[in-house]
Amino acid sequence: MRVNLDLMSKAVELSVAGQRCRVVTSANEAELKILTDMVECKLAGIVKPGRPLTTQAMILAAVALANDVIEHKRRADAVAGAATTALQQLLARVDTALSSEVPTTSVKRARRKRSRGTKPHAAPAPPAAARAQHQQANDASEPS
């Protein structure tokens, strides 16, 4: 979550581990609540209940939160790197498949001809003998 200080800023009072602090921020109340809850949670893991909150504990919580940020960034970078690698491999496979593909259907041949600037044409007319044979078959099937 990123707090944008360029927007209209206002003074807000924060409370963490019983400590109150007034800050000027553009973050909304919900964002600030999430952030302070994260700090409270980290402090609860460091300071035992009933023990006083020390500066050392606050510094340790800050370092632990910074470490969490670094770990999340490392994981995000690893996922992004793996995704990039997978995408590059997929594109290489597609390129290989497209470059080695030999069109065999008449549709693919027509597309090839069209890309070369020639017009595709209908299937070739049957030879004269086949036409005559077809005509004789039609004539024989018609009632006289």
Protein backbone atom coordinates (compact mmCIF):
# COMPACT_ATOMS: atom_id res chain seq x y z
CA MET A 1 0.00 0.00 0.00
CA ARG A 2 1.49 3.29 -1.03
CA VAL A 3 0.72 6.55 0.75
CA ASN A 4 0.62 9.42 -1.73
CA LEU A 5 1.82 12.67 -0.16
CA ASP A 6 1.09 14.70 -3.30
CA LEU A 7 -2.64 14.75 -2.59
CA MET A 8 -4.29 17.00 -0.05
CA SER A 9 -2.54 16.37 3.28
CA LYS A 10 -4.11 16.61 6.71
CA ALA A 11 -2.93 16.23 10.30
CA VAL A 12 -3.87 12.87 11.80
CA GLU A 13 -3.21 11.37 15.20
CA LEU A 14 -1.89 7.81 15.17
CA SER A 15 -1.77 5.44 18.11
CA VAL A 16 0.62 2.50 18.21
CA ALA A 17 1.22 0.46 21.38
CA GLY A 18 -0.34 3.19 23.47
CA GLN A 19 1.96 5.85 22.01
CA ARG A 20 0.25 8.77 20.29
CA CYS A 21 1.82 10.63 17.40
CA ARG A 22 0.49 13.43 15.20
CA VAL A 23 1.46 13.23 11.50
CA VAL A 24 0.57 15.07 8.31
CA THR A 25 -0.52 12.64 5.60
CA SER A 26 -2.74 12.22 2.57
CA ALA A 27 -3.58 8.62 3.53
CA ASN A 28 -7.18 7.88 4.36
CA GLU A 29 -8.32 6.53 7.72
CA ALA A 30 -8.69 2.95 6.45
CA GLU A 31 -5.11 2.86 5.11
CA LEU A 32 -3.74 4.27 8.35
CA LYS A 33 -5.70 1.72 10.40
CA ILE A 34 -4.24 -1.14 8.35
CA LEU A 35 -0.71 0.24 8.74
CA THR A 36 -0.96 0.83 12.48
CA ASP A 37 -2.52 -2.63 12.96
CA MET A 38 0.45 -4.17 11.14
CA VAL A 39 2.87 -2.37 13.46
CA GLU A 40 0.82 -3.41 16.53
CA CYS A 41 0.86 -7.03 15.36
CA LYS A 42 4.62 -7.00 14.84
CA LEU A 43 5.17 -5.42 18.27
CA ALA A 44 2.91 -8.03 19.89
CA GLY A 45 5.22 -10.72 18.54
CA ILE A 46 8.26 -8.98 20.03
CA VAL A 47 7.08 -7.61 23.40
CA LYS A 48 5.57 -10.05 25.87
CA PRO A 49 2.18 -9.04 27.34
CA GLY A 50 2.56 -6.90 30.46
CA ARG A 51 6.12 -5.88 29.60
CA PRO A 52 6.94 -2.21 28.96
CA LEU A 53 7.39 -1.04 25.39
CA THR A 54 10.98 0.00 24.80
CA THR A 55 12.66 1.93 22.02
CA GLN A 56 14.64 -1.22 21.29
CA ALA A 57 11.39 -3.19 20.74
CA MET A 58 10.08 -0.49 18.38
CA ILE A 59 13.32 -0.54 16.39
CA LEU A 60 13.20 -4.33 16.22
CA ALA A 61 9.59 -4.16 14.96
CA ALA A 62 10.59 -1.60 12.32
CA VAL A 63 13.48 -3.81 11.17
CA ALA A 64 11.19 -6.87 11.08
CA LEU A 65 8.64 -4.97 8.96
CA ALA A 66 11.40 -3.78 6.61
CA ASN A 67 12.56 -7.40 6.32
CA ASP A 68 8.99 -8.45 5.44
CA VAL A 69 8.95 -5.84 2.67
CA ILE A 70 12.26 -7.11 1.28
CA GLU A 71 11.04 -10.74 1.36
CA HIS A 72 7.80 -9.84 -0.43
CA LYS A 73 9.77 -7.93 -3.07
CA ARG A 74 12.12 -10.89 -3.59
CA ARG A 75 9.17 -13.23 -4.03
CA ALA A 76 7.42 -10.83 -6.40
CA ASP A 77 10.62 -10.46 -8.44
CA ALA A 78 11.04 -14.26 -8.58
CA VAL A 79 7.44 -14.72 -9.76
CA ALA A 80 7.85 -11.95 -12.35
CA GLY A 81 11.11 -13.53 -13.56
CA ALA A 82 9.52 -16.97 -13.83
CA ALA A 83 6.54 -15.53 -15.70
CA THR A 84 8.83 -13.67 -18.10
CA THR A 85 10.88 -16.81 -18.75
CA ALA A 86 7.75 -18.92 -19.31
CA LEU A 87 6.33 -16.33 -21.70
CA GLN A 88 9.59 -16.14 -23.66
CA GLN A 89 9.67 -19.94 -23.95
CA LEU A 90 6.06 -20.02 -25.08
CA LEU A 91 6.68 -17.33 -27.71
CA ALA A 92 9.73 -19.23 -28.95
CA ARG A 93 7.63 -22.39 -29.31
CA VAL A 94 4.91 -20.48 -31.17
CA ASP A 95 7.52 -18.92 -33.48
CA THR A 96 9.03 -22.35 -34.15
CA ALA A 97 5.63 -23.89 -34.82
CA LEU A 98 4.62 -21.09 -37.16
CA SER A 99 7.89 -21.11 -39.10
CA SER A 100 7.93 -24.89 -39.58
CA GLU A 101 4.21 -25.30 -40.36
CA VAL A 102 3.54 -26.47 -43.92
CA PRO A 103 0.02 -25.52 -45.01
CA THR A 104 -1.75 -28.48 -46.57
CA THR A 105 -5.39 -27.51 -46.86
CA SER A 106 -6.82 -25.57 -49.75
CA VAL A 107 -7.74 -22.75 -47.37
CA LYS A 108 -4.12 -22.40 -46.31
CA ARG A 109 -3.00 -22.55 -49.94
CA ALA A 110 -5.52 -19.83 -50.83
CA ARG A 111 -4.21 -17.67 -48.00
CA ARG A 112 -0.67 -18.17 -49.24
CA LYS A 113 -1.67 -17.17 -52.77
CA ARG A 114 -3.52 -14.15 -51.48
CA SER A 115 -0.46 -13.05 -49.52
CA ARG A 116 1.62 -13.33 -52.72
CA GLY A 117 -0.77 -11.08 -54.58
CA THR A 118 -2.54 -13.71 -56.67
CA LYS A 119 -6.25 -14.24 -56.41
CA PRO A 120 -7.49 -17.54 -55.08
CA HIS A 121 -9.84 -19.39 -57.35
CA ALA A 122 -12.54 -21.99 -56.95
CA ALA A 123 -11.74 -25.66 -57.20
CA PRO A 124 -10.68 -26.58 -60.74
CA ALA A 125 -13.47 -27.63 -63.07
CA PRO A 126 -13.74 -31.38 -63.53
CA PRO A 127 -12.32 -32.76 -66.78
CA ALA A 128 -14.68 -32.98 -69.75
CA ALA A 129 -15.03 -36.76 -69.46
CA ALA A 130 -16.12 -36.48 -65.81
CA ARG A 131 -18.61 -33.75 -66.72
CA ALA A 132 -20.09 -35.88 -69.50
CA GLN A 133 -20.35 -38.89 -67.20
CA HIS A 134 -22.08 -36.75 -64.55
CA GLN A 135 -24.51 -35.39 -67.16
CA GLN A 136 -25.34 -38.92 -68.38
CA ALA A 137 -26.05 -40.01 -64.82
CA ASN A 138 -28.40 -37.04 -64.33
CA ASP A 139 -30.16 -37.71 -67.66
CA ALA A 140 -30.65 -41.39 -66.80
CA SER A 141 -32.17 -40.59 -63.40
CA GLU A 142 -34.72 -38.13 -64.83
CA PRO A 143 -38.09 -39.65 -65.84
CA SER A 144 -38.84 -39.37 -69.57
